[in-house]
C-alpha cells in the first residue's frame, strides 16, 4: 500500500484501506510505503535547512571578523594616540 504524502486525503484513507484489507482478505503481508514526493520533500527540507545554517554561519563569521577588525583598529588607534601624546610632550 502506498499513499501520497502530498495529499491529506490519501493519508487519511490509509486507515480505511487497512480496515478493508482485514475485512476482505484472510492473510496479507502489509507494507506501508510512501510516494517519491516524500523523498523529494525530505531532500528539499534538508537543502533549505542546510542553506539556512550555512547563511547563518557566514553571517556570524562575517560579524566576528568585523568585530575583530574593529577591536584591532581601536587598539591600533589607541597606541597611535598614546605615541602622539608622548611625541608632543
Protein backbone atom coordinates (compact mmCIF):
# COMPACT_ATOMS: atom_id res chain seq x y z
CA UNK A 1 0.00 0.00 0.00
CA UNK A 2 1.39 3.38 -0.98
CA UNK A 3 -0.10 6.75 -0.16
CA UNK A 4 0.67 10.22 -1.44
CA UNK A 5 2.14 12.35 1.34
CA UNK A 6 1.25 15.50 -0.53
CA UNK A 7 -2.43 14.59 -0.21
CA UNK A 8 -4.06 14.71 3.21
CA UNK A 9 -6.99 12.75 1.79
CA UNK A 10 -4.68 9.96 0.64
CA UNK A 11 -3.08 9.72 4.08
CA UNK A 12 -6.48 9.77 5.81
CA UNK A 13 -7.58 6.83 3.64
CA UNK A 14 -4.78 4.56 4.90
CA UNK A 15 -6.75 3.53 8.00
CA UNK A 16 -9.82 2.76 5.90
CA UNK A 17 -7.78 0.79 3.39
CA UNK A 18 -6.21 -1.31 6.18
CA UNK A 19 -9.66 -1.99 7.60
CA UNK A 20 -10.95 -3.09 4.18
CA UNK A 21 -7.98 -5.43 3.73
CA UNK A 22 -8.60 -7.00 7.16
CA UNK A 23 -12.30 -7.49 6.34
CA UNK A 24 -11.82 -8.94 2.84
CA UNK A 25 -8.57 -10.92 2.98
CA UNK A 26 -7.51 -13.91 5.05
CA UNK A 27 -3.76 -13.42 5.27
CA UNK A 28 -1.98 -10.40 3.89
CA UNK A 29 1.56 -9.21 4.44
CA UNK A 30 1.39 -5.48 4.87
CA UNK A 31 3.95 -2.94 3.81
CA UNK A 32 3.17 0.74 4.03
CA UNK A 33 5.20 2.81 1.60
CA UNK A 34 5.39 6.43 0.69
CA UNK A 35 5.49 8.05 -2.68
CA UNK A 36 8.58 9.70 -4.12
CA UNK A 37 7.01 13.02 -3.22
CA UNK A 38 8.02 12.49 0.41
CA UNK A 39 11.60 11.78 -0.53
CA UNK A 40 11.65 14.92 -2.65
CA UNK A 41 10.09 16.92 0.18
CA UNK A 42 12.61 15.49 2.65
CA UNK A 43 15.54 16.33 0.38
CA UNK A 44 14.19 19.82 -0.22
CA UNK A 45 13.74 20.34 3.53
CA UNK A 46 17.31 19.24 4.21
CA UNK A 47 18.56 21.55 1.46
CA UNK A 48 16.64 24.52 2.87
CA UNK A 49 17.79 23.81 6.43
CA UNK A 50 21.42 23.41 5.34
CA UNK A 51 21.24 26.58 3.29
CA UNK A 52 19.87 28.50 6.29
CA UNK A 53 22.55 27.07 8.58
CA UNK A 54 25.29 27.96 6.09
CA UNK A 55 23.98 31.52 5.70
CA UNK A 56 23.74 31.88 9.48
CA UNK A 57 27.33 30.63 9.80
CA UNK A 58 28.51 33.08 7.14
CA UNK A 59 26.74 35.95 8.92
CA UNK A 60 28.29 35.00 12.29
CA UNK A 61 31.77 34.67 10.80
CA UNK A 62 31.40 37.98 8.99
CA UNK A 63 30.20 39.68 12.17
CA UNK A 64 33.09 38.20 14.15
CA UNK A 65 35.57 39.39 11.53
CA UNK A 66 34.08 42.89 11.66
CA UNK A 67 34.19 42.91 15.47
CA UNK A 68 37.76 41.61 15.50
CA UNK A 69 38.83 44.17 12.90
CA UNK A 70 37.16 46.93 14.92
CA UNK A 71 38.88 45.79 18.11
CA UNK A 72 42.27 45.62 16.37
CA UNK A 73 41.69 49.01 14.76
CA UNK A 74 40.63 50.52 18.08
CA UNK A 75 43.78 49.17 19.80
CA UNK A 76 45.92 50.44 16.94
CA UNK A 77 44.34 53.89 17.19
CA UNK A 78 44.85 53.90 20.95
CA UNK A 79 48.53 53.02 20.51
CA UNK A 80 48.93 55.73 17.85
CA UNK A 81 47.21 58.24 20.12
CA UNK A 82 49.50 57.37 23.03
CA UNK A 83 52.59 57.60 20.80
CA UNK A 84 51.47 61.01 19.50
CA UNK A 85 50.98 62.23 23.06
CA UNK A 86 54.45 61.04 24.01
CA UNK A 87 55.98 62.70 20.95
CA UNK A 88 54.24 66.03 21.62
CA UNK A 89 55.32 66.21 25.25
